């Protein structure tokens, strides 16, 4: 299993890590077409990705990262071990 990072989630979402970082820091707006993919990968609601404040996004991201259920399988796909 790999550690879940911004880079690994960005790769799965098909975006650059710097772009995900800009979204998390509210420097860039999350495209509404990307939000469902990020929601599926992280469990963070798409409304937070699109309309959440910097603080809401950061808190949700930190909760996702610290969650023991967030892991990457051997194929490198983000999954939730509770499934």
C-alpha atoms as a PDB file:
ATOM      1  CA  UNK A   1       0.000   0.000   0.000  1.00  0.00           C
ATOM      2  CA  UNK A   2       1.124   3.516  -0.797  1.00  0.00           C
ATOM      3  CA  UNK A   3       0.687   6.629   1.289  1.00  0.00           C
ATOM      4  CA  UNK A   4      -2.172   8.828   0.097  1.00  0.00           C
ATOM      5  CA  UNK A   5      -0.781  12.165  -1.118  1.00  0.00           C
ATOM      6  CA  UNK A   6      -1.971  15.119  -3.152  1.00  0.00           C
ATOM      7  CA  UNK A   7       0.192  13.820  -5.972  1.00  0.00           C
ATOM      8  CA  UNK A   8      -1.339  10.331  -5.910  1.00  0.00           C
ATOM      9  CA  UNK A   9      -4.921  11.652  -5.797  1.00  0.00           C
ATOM     10  CA  UNK A  10      -4.180  14.169  -8.552  1.00  0.00           C
ATOM     11  CA  UNK A  11      -2.738  11.406 -10.732  1.00  0.00           C
ATOM     12  CA  UNK A  12      -5.899   9.320 -10.258  1.00  0.00           C
ATOM     13  CA  UNK A  13      -8.063  12.357 -11.051  1.00  0.00           C
ATOM     14  CA  UNK A  14      -6.083  13.060 -14.220  1.00  0.00           C
ATOM     15  CA  UNK A  15      -4.794  16.454 -13.096  1.00  0.00           C
ATOM     16  CA  UNK A  16      -1.445  17.867 -12.013  1.00  0.00           C
ATOM     17  CA  UNK A  17      -0.581  17.910  -8.320  1.00  0.00           C
ATOM     18  CA  UNK A  18      -0.036  21.670  -8.390  1.00  0.00           C
ATOM     19  CA  UNK A  19      -3.584  22.164  -9.706  1.00  0.00           C
ATOM     20  CA  UNK A  20      -5.053  20.095  -6.859  1.00  0.00           C
ATOM     21  CA  UNK A  21      -2.965  22.137  -4.422  1.00  0.00           C
ATOM     22  CA  UNK A  22      -4.320  25.372  -5.940  1.00  0.00           C
ATOM     23  CA  UNK A  23      -7.873  24.052  -5.545  1.00  0.00           C
ATOM     24  CA  UNK A  24      -7.239  23.109  -1.909  1.00  0.00           C
ATOM     25  CA  UNK A  25      -5.816  26.569  -1.182  1.00  0.00           C
ATOM     26  CA  UNK A  26      -8.702  28.252  -3.061  1.00  0.00           C
ATOM     27  CA  UNK A  27      -6.332  29.884  -5.523  1.00  0.00           C
ATOM     28  CA  UNK A  28      -8.214  28.190  -8.361  1.00  0.00           C
ATOM     29  CA  UNK A  29     -11.856  27.178  -8.711  1.00  0.00           C
ATOM     30  CA  UNK A  30     -12.506  23.448  -8.922  1.00  0.00           C
ATOM     31  CA  UNK A  31     -14.147  22.740 -12.289  1.00  0.00           C
ATOM     32  CA  UNK A  32     -17.635  21.346 -11.759  1.00  0.00           C
ATOM     33  CA  UNK A  33     -16.810  18.454 -14.111  1.00  0.00           C
ATOM     34  CA  UNK A  34     -13.838  17.462 -11.921  1.00  0.00           C
ATOM     35  CA  UNK A  35     -15.689  17.612  -8.586  1.00  0.00           C
ATOM     36  CA  UNK A  36     -17.517  14.247  -8.950  1.00  0.00           C
ATOM     37  CA  UNK A  37     -14.228  12.484  -9.712  1.00  0.00           C
ATOM     38  CA  UNK A  38     -12.545  14.058  -6.679  1.00  0.00           C
ATOM     39  CA  UNK A  39     -15.571  13.156  -4.569  1.00  0.00           C
ATOM     40  CA  UNK A  40     -15.331   9.518  -5.674  1.00  0.00           C
ATOM     41  CA  UNK A  41     -11.593   9.382  -4.961  1.00  0.00           C
ATOM     42  CA  UNK A  42     -11.642  11.143  -1.584  1.00  0.00           C
ATOM     43  CA  UNK A  43     -15.170  10.967  -0.214  1.00  0.00           C
ATOM     44  CA  UNK A  44     -15.148  14.761   0.100  1.00  0.00           C
ATOM     45  CA  UNK A  45     -18.503  16.088  -1.090  1.00  0.00           C
ATOM     46  CA  UNK A  46     -18.447  17.707  -4.534  1.00  0.00           C
ATOM     47  CA  UNK A  47     -20.058  20.862  -3.158  1.00  0.00           C
ATOM     48  CA  UNK A  48     -17.049  21.352  -0.885  1.00  0.00           C
ATOM     49  CA  UNK A  49     -14.730  20.957  -3.879  1.00  0.00           C
ATOM     50  CA  UNK A  50     -16.628  23.537  -5.924  1.00  0.00           C
ATOM     51  CA  UNK A  51     -17.997  26.004  -3.368  1.00  0.00           C
ATOM     52  CA  UNK A  52     -16.198  25.261  -0.115  1.00  0.00           C
ATOM     53  CA  UNK A  53     -13.985  27.817   1.575  1.00  0.00           C
ATOM     54  CA  UNK A  54     -10.249  27.300   1.871  1.00  0.00           C
ATOM     55  CA  UNK A  55     -10.752  26.226   5.481  1.00  0.00           C
ATOM     56  CA  UNK A  56     -13.527  23.749   4.604  1.00  0.00           C
ATOM     57  CA  UNK A  57     -11.427  22.174   1.868  1.00  0.00           C
ATOM     58  CA  UNK A  58      -8.332  21.952   4.060  1.00  0.00           C
ATOM     59  CA  UNK A  59     -10.277  20.411   6.964  1.00  0.00           C
ATOM     60  CA  UNK A  60     -11.969  17.869   4.683  1.00  0.00           C
ATOM     61  CA  UNK A  61      -8.613  17.025   3.056  1.00  0.00           C
ATOM     62  CA  UNK A  62      -6.891  16.599   6.425  1.00  0.00           C
ATOM     63  CA  UNK A  63      -9.717  14.324   7.595  1.00  0.00           C
ATOM     64  CA  UNK A  64      -9.364  12.271   4.421  1.00  0.00           C
ATOM     65  CA  UNK A  65      -5.587  11.965   4.786  1.00  0.00           C
ATOM     66  CA  UNK A  66      -5.730  11.071   8.483  1.00  0.00           C
ATOM     67  CA  UNK A  67      -8.468   8.509   7.952  1.00  0.00           C
ATOM     68  CA  UNK A  68      -7.097   5.011   8.398  1.00  0.00           C
ATOM     69  CA  UNK A  69      -9.600   3.783   5.834  1.00  0.00           C
ATOM     70  CA  UNK A  70      -8.057   5.808   3.000  1.00  0.00           C
ATOM     71  CA  UNK A  71      -5.586   3.515   1.272  1.00  0.00           C
ATOM     72  CA  UNK A  72      -4.314   2.710  -2.128  1.00  0.00           C
ATOM     73  CA  UNK A  73      -4.647  -0.812  -3.410  1.00  0.00           C
ATOM     74  CA  UNK A  74      -1.870  -2.658  -5.195  1.00  0.00           C
ATOM     75  CA  UNK A  75      -3.196  -1.297  -8.503  1.00  0.00           C
ATOM     76  CA  UNK A  76      -2.687   2.249  -7.240  1.00  0.00           C
ATOM     77  CA  UNK A  77      -6.393   3.036  -7.168  1.00  0.00           C
ATOM     78  CA  UNK A  78      -7.838   4.984  -4.301  1.00  0.00           C
ATOM     79  CA  UNK A  79     -10.291   2.886  -2.333  1.00  0.00           C
ATOM     80  CA  UNK A  80     -12.042   2.887   0.987  1.00  0.00           C
ATOM     81  CA  UNK A  81     -11.292  -0.180   3.088  1.00  0.00           C
ATOM     82  CA  UNK A  82     -14.771   0.035   4.598  1.00  0.00           C
ATOM     83  CA  UNK A  83     -16.333  -1.122   1.325  1.00  0.00           C
END
